[in-house]
């Protein structure tokens, strides 16, 4: 039986993964083929843009919610059938 000692510094992070060396090497090869190194961190935008709806969009949303509550909507399947009938004309 193999005994493995994990340093406390690594166990504190609780994100330690143990895999066979062969699997790790295959993963590194995959990373090279993908063109992105494993350590690359995507850059975050400097400023987060928030969506602010216009008065018209708010009215349309209110109407849509009212119609939905009243059951005035099409399922995706019904919508696809109507569109296919329209396109086949």
N, C-alpha and C. Protein backbone atom coordinates (compact mmCIF):
# COMPACT_ATOMS: atom_id res chain seq x y z
N UNK A 1 0.84 -1.17 0.00
CA UNK A 1 0.00 0.00 0.00
C UNK A 1 0.89 1.24 0.00
N UNK A 2 0.52 2.22 -0.81
CA UNK A 2 1.28 3.46 -0.90
C UNK A 2 0.74 4.46 0.11
N UNK A 3 1.64 5.12 0.80
CA UNK A 3 1.25 6.14 1.77
C UNK A 3 1.57 7.50 1.18
N UNK A 4 0.64 8.40 1.31
CA UNK A 4 0.80 9.74 0.76
C UNK A 4 0.58 10.74 1.87
N UNK A 5 1.52 11.69 2.02
CA UNK A 5 1.39 12.73 3.02
C UNK A 5 1.10 14.04 2.30
N UNK A 6 0.01 14.70 2.70
CA UNK A 6 -0.38 15.96 2.07
C UNK A 6 -0.02 17.09 3.03
N UNK A 7 0.80 18.05 2.57
CA UNK A 7 1.16 19.18 3.44
C UNK A 7 -0.09 19.98 3.83
N UNK A 8 -0.09 20.56 5.02
CA UNK A 8 -1.23 21.32 5.51
C UNK A 8 -1.54 22.51 4.62
N UNK A 9 -0.53 23.10 3.99
CA UNK A 9 -0.75 24.26 3.12
C UNK A 9 -1.68 23.89 1.97
N UNK A 10 -1.53 22.69 1.43
CA UNK A 10 -2.38 22.26 0.32
C UNK A 10 -3.77 21.84 0.79
N UNK A 11 -3.86 21.25 1.95
CA UNK A 11 -5.15 20.77 2.42
C UNK A 11 -6.05 21.90 2.89
N UNK A 12 -5.51 23.06 3.20
CA UNK A 12 -6.32 24.19 3.64
C UNK A 12 -7.19 24.72 2.50
N UNK A 13 -6.69 24.67 1.28
CA UNK A 13 -7.42 25.19 0.13
C UNK A 13 -8.59 24.30 -0.27
N UNK A 14 -8.55 23.05 0.09
CA UNK A 14 -9.61 22.08 -0.17
C UNK A 14 -9.93 21.94 -1.66
N UNK A 15 -8.94 22.14 -2.51
CA UNK A 15 -9.17 21.92 -3.93
C UNK A 15 -8.07 21.05 -4.54
N UNK A 16 -7.59 20.13 -3.73
CA UNK A 16 -6.55 19.21 -4.16
C UNK A 16 -7.17 18.05 -4.94
N UNK A 17 -6.60 17.75 -6.10
CA UNK A 17 -7.08 16.65 -6.92
C UNK A 17 -5.93 15.70 -7.18
N UNK A 18 -6.15 14.42 -6.98
CA UNK A 18 -5.13 13.42 -7.21
C UNK A 18 -5.57 12.57 -8.39
N UNK A 19 -4.72 12.58 -9.45
CA UNK A 19 -5.01 11.79 -10.65
C UNK A 19 -3.73 11.09 -11.08
N UNK A 20 -3.85 10.03 -11.85
CA UNK A 20 -2.65 9.35 -12.35
C UNK A 20 -1.85 10.29 -13.27
N UNK A 21 -0.54 10.10 -13.28
CA UNK A 21 0.34 10.95 -14.08
C UNK A 21 -0.01 10.88 -15.56
N UNK A 22 -0.37 9.68 -16.04
CA UNK A 22 -0.74 9.51 -17.44
C UNK A 22 -1.93 10.41 -17.81
N UNK A 23 -2.93 10.46 -16.94
CA UNK A 23 -4.11 11.29 -17.18
C UNK A 23 -3.73 12.76 -17.19
N UNK A 24 -2.85 13.15 -16.26
CA UNK A 24 -2.40 14.54 -16.21
C UNK A 24 -1.65 14.92 -17.48
N UNK A 25 -0.78 14.04 -17.96
CA UNK A 25 -0.04 14.33 -19.18
C UNK A 25 -0.97 14.43 -20.38
N UNK A 26 -1.99 13.57 -20.43
CA UNK A 26 -2.98 13.67 -21.51
C UNK A 26 -3.72 15.01 -21.45
N UNK A 27 -4.02 15.44 -20.23
CA UNK A 27 -4.68 16.74 -20.06
C UNK A 27 -3.80 17.87 -20.56
N UNK A 28 -2.51 17.82 -20.24
CA UNK A 28 -1.59 18.86 -20.72
C UNK A 28 -1.53 18.88 -22.24
N UNK A 29 -1.52 17.70 -22.88
CA UNK A 29 -1.52 17.63 -24.34
C UNK A 29 -2.79 18.25 -24.91
N UNK A 30 -3.92 17.96 -24.25
CA UNK A 30 -5.19 18.55 -24.68
C UNK A 30 -5.13 20.07 -24.59
N UNK A 31 -4.56 20.59 -23.50
CA UNK A 31 -4.44 22.03 -23.32
C UNK A 31 -3.61 22.66 -24.44
N UNK A 32 -2.52 21.99 -24.84
CA UNK A 32 -1.68 22.51 -25.91
C UNK A 32 -2.44 22.55 -27.22
N UNK A 33 -3.22 21.49 -27.49
CA UNK A 33 -4.00 21.44 -28.73
C UNK A 33 -5.09 22.50 -28.73
N UNK A 34 -5.66 22.79 -27.57
CA UNK A 34 -6.72 23.78 -27.47
C UNK A 34 -6.16 25.19 -27.63
N UNK A 35 -4.86 25.36 -27.38
CA UNK A 35 -4.24 26.67 -27.56
C UNK A 35 -4.36 27.58 -26.35
N UNK A 36 -4.93 27.08 -25.27
CA UNK A 36 -5.07 27.90 -24.07
C UNK A 36 -4.33 27.21 -22.93
N UNK A 37 -3.39 27.91 -22.30
CA UNK A 37 -2.70 27.29 -21.18
C UNK A 37 -3.65 27.12 -19.99
N UNK A 38 -3.37 26.15 -19.15
CA UNK A 38 -4.24 25.84 -18.01
C UNK A 38 -4.29 26.99 -17.01
N UNK A 39 -3.27 27.84 -16.99
CA UNK A 39 -3.21 28.89 -16.00
C UNK A 39 -3.80 30.22 -16.47
N UNK A 40 -4.32 30.28 -17.69
CA UNK A 40 -4.86 31.53 -18.21
C UNK A 40 -6.14 31.91 -17.48
N UNK A 41 -6.19 33.13 -17.01
CA UNK A 41 -7.38 33.64 -16.32
C UNK A 41 -8.00 34.71 -17.22
N UNK A 42 -9.28 34.57 -17.55
CA UNK A 42 -9.89 35.57 -18.43
C UNK A 42 -9.94 36.92 -17.75
N UNK A 43 -9.78 37.96 -18.55
CA UNK A 43 -9.83 39.32 -18.02
C UNK A 43 -11.29 39.71 -17.81
N UNK A 44 -11.53 40.32 -16.68
CA UNK A 44 -12.87 40.79 -16.37
C UNK A 44 -13.06 42.20 -16.91
N UNK A 45 -14.27 42.55 -17.29
CA UNK A 45 -14.49 43.91 -17.78
C UNK A 45 -14.24 44.92 -16.66
N UNK A 46 -13.75 46.08 -17.04
CA UNK A 46 -13.44 47.10 -16.07
C UNK A 46 -14.72 47.66 -15.43
N UNK A 47 -15.77 47.77 -16.24
CA UNK A 47 -17.00 48.34 -15.75
C UNK A 47 -18.15 47.43 -16.16
N UNK A 48 -19.02 47.12 -15.24
CA UNK A 48 -20.16 46.28 -15.55
C UNK A 48 -21.30 47.16 -16.03
N UNK A 49 -21.83 46.84 -17.19
CA UNK A 49 -22.94 47.61 -17.74
C UNK A 49 -24.25 47.00 -17.29
N UNK A 50 -25.15 47.81 -16.84
CA UNK A 50 -26.45 47.35 -16.41
C UNK A 50 -27.49 47.69 -17.46
N UNK A 51 -28.45 46.81 -17.61
CA UNK A 51 -29.54 47.03 -18.56
C UNK A 51 -30.60 47.88 -17.89
N UNK A 52 -30.94 48.99 -18.52
CA UNK A 52 -32.00 49.84 -18.01
C UNK A 52 -33.08 49.91 -19.08
N UNK A 53 -34.22 49.24 -18.83
CA UNK A 53 -35.27 49.22 -19.85
C UNK A 53 -35.92 50.59 -20.01
N UNK A 54 -36.38 50.83 -21.23
CA UNK A 54 -37.10 52.07 -21.50
C UNK A 54 -38.52 51.93 -20.97
N UNK A 55 -39.26 53.05 -20.95
CA UNK A 55 -40.65 53.02 -20.48
C UNK A 55 -41.49 52.09 -21.36
N UNK A 56 -41.24 52.12 -22.66
CA UNK A 56 -41.98 51.25 -23.58
C UNK A 56 -41.71 49.78 -23.29
N UNK A 57 -40.44 49.43 -23.05
CA UNK A 57 -40.09 48.05 -22.75
C UNK A 57 -40.74 47.59 -21.44
N UNK A 58 -40.83 48.49 -20.46
CA UNK A 58 -41.48 48.15 -19.20
C UNK A 58 -42.97 47.88 -19.41
N UNK A 59 -43.61 48.71 -20.26
CA UNK A 59 -45.03 48.48 -20.56
C UNK A 59 -45.24 47.15 -21.26
N UNK A 60 -44.36 46.85 -22.23
CA UNK A 60 -44.46 45.58 -22.96
C UNK A 60 -44.25 44.38 -22.03
N UNK A 61 -43.33 44.50 -21.10
CA UNK A 61 -43.07 43.42 -20.15
C UNK A 61 -44.28 43.22 -19.23
N UNK A 62 -44.87 44.31 -18.79
CA UNK A 62 -46.05 44.21 -17.94
C UNK A 62 -47.20 43.53 -18.68
N UNK A 63 -47.37 43.90 -19.95
CA UNK A 63 -48.43 43.29 -20.78
C UNK A 63 -48.14 41.80 -21.01
N UNK A 64 -46.89 41.47 -21.26
CA UNK A 64 -46.51 40.07 -21.50
C UNK A 64 -46.77 39.23 -20.26
N UNK A 65 -46.45 39.75 -19.10
CA UNK A 65 -46.69 39.02 -17.86
C UNK A 65 -48.18 38.82 -17.62
N UNK A 66 -48.97 39.84 -17.96
CA UNK A 66 -50.42 39.74 -17.80
C UNK A 66 -50.98 38.69 -18.76
N UNK A 67 -50.52 38.69 -20.00
CA UNK A 67 -50.96 37.70 -20.99
C UNK A 67 -50.56 36.29 -20.56
N UNK A 68 -49.37 36.14 -20.04
CA UNK A 68 -48.89 34.83 -19.60
C UNK A 68 -49.76 34.30 -18.46
N UNK A 69 -50.07 35.18 -17.51
CA UNK A 69 -50.91 34.77 -16.38
C UNK A 69 -52.30 34.36 -16.84
N UNK A 70 -52.78 34.99 -17.92
CA UNK A 70 -54.11 34.67 -18.46
C UNK A 70 -54.07 33.45 -19.39
N UNK A 71 -52.88 32.92 -19.63
CA UNK A 71 -52.76 31.73 -20.49
C UNK A 71 -52.71 32.06 -21.97
N UNK A 72 -52.46 33.31 -22.31
CA UNK A 72 -52.39 33.73 -23.71
C UNK A 72 -50.94 33.63 -24.20
N UNK A 73 -50.52 32.41 -24.50
CA UNK A 73 -49.16 32.21 -25.01
C UNK A 73 -49.13 30.91 -25.81
N UNK A 74 -48.07 30.75 -26.60
CA UNK A 74 -47.86 29.54 -27.38
C UNK A 74 -46.71 28.76 -26.78
N UNK A 75 -46.84 27.44 -26.80
CA UNK A 75 -45.69 26.63 -26.42
C UNK A 75 -44.70 26.67 -27.58
N UNK A 76 -43.49 26.22 -27.34
CA UNK A 76 -42.48 26.22 -28.39
C UNK A 76 -42.91 25.32 -29.55
N UNK A 77 -43.52 24.20 -29.22
CA UNK A 77 -43.98 23.27 -30.26
C UNK A 77 -45.08 23.92 -31.11
N UNK A 78 -46.03 24.60 -30.48
CA UNK A 78 -47.09 25.29 -31.22
C UNK A 78 -46.51 26.38 -32.11
N UNK A 79 -45.56 27.12 -31.56
CA UNK A 79 -44.93 28.19 -32.33
C UNK A 79 -44.22 27.63 -33.57
N UNK A 80 -43.47 26.54 -33.38
CA UNK A 80 -42.75 25.93 -34.51
C UNK A 80 -43.72 25.44 -35.57
N UNK A 81 -44.86 24.87 -35.17
CA UNK A 81 -45.85 24.40 -36.13
C UNK A 81 -46.40 25.56 -36.95
N UNK A 82 -46.72 26.68 -36.28
CA UNK A 82 -47.26 27.86 -36.99
C UNK A 82 -46.22 28.44 -37.96
N UNK A 83 -44.99 28.51 -37.50
CA UNK A 83 -43.93 29.06 -38.37
C UNK A 83 -43.71 28.14 -39.57
N UNK A 84 -43.69 26.83 -39.35
CA UNK A 84 -43.50 25.89 -40.47
C UNK A 84 -44.64 25.97 -41.46
N UNK A 85 -45.87 26.14 -40.97
CA UNK A 85 -47.02 26.29 -41.89
C UNK A 85 -46.89 27.57 -42.69
N UNK A 86 -46.46 28.64 -42.03
CA UNK A 86 -46.31 29.93 -42.71
C UNK A 86 -45.19 29.85 -43.77
N UNK A 87 -44.10 29.17 -43.42
CA UNK A 87 -42.98 29.08 -44.35
C UNK A 87 -43.30 28.18 -45.55
N UNK A 88 -44.17 27.21 -45.36
CA UNK A 88 -44.49 26.28 -46.45
C UNK A 88 -45.49 26.87 -47.45
N UNK A 89 -46.08 28.01 -47.16
CA UNK A 89 -47.05 28.64 -48.08
C UNK A 89 -46.36 29.24 -49.27
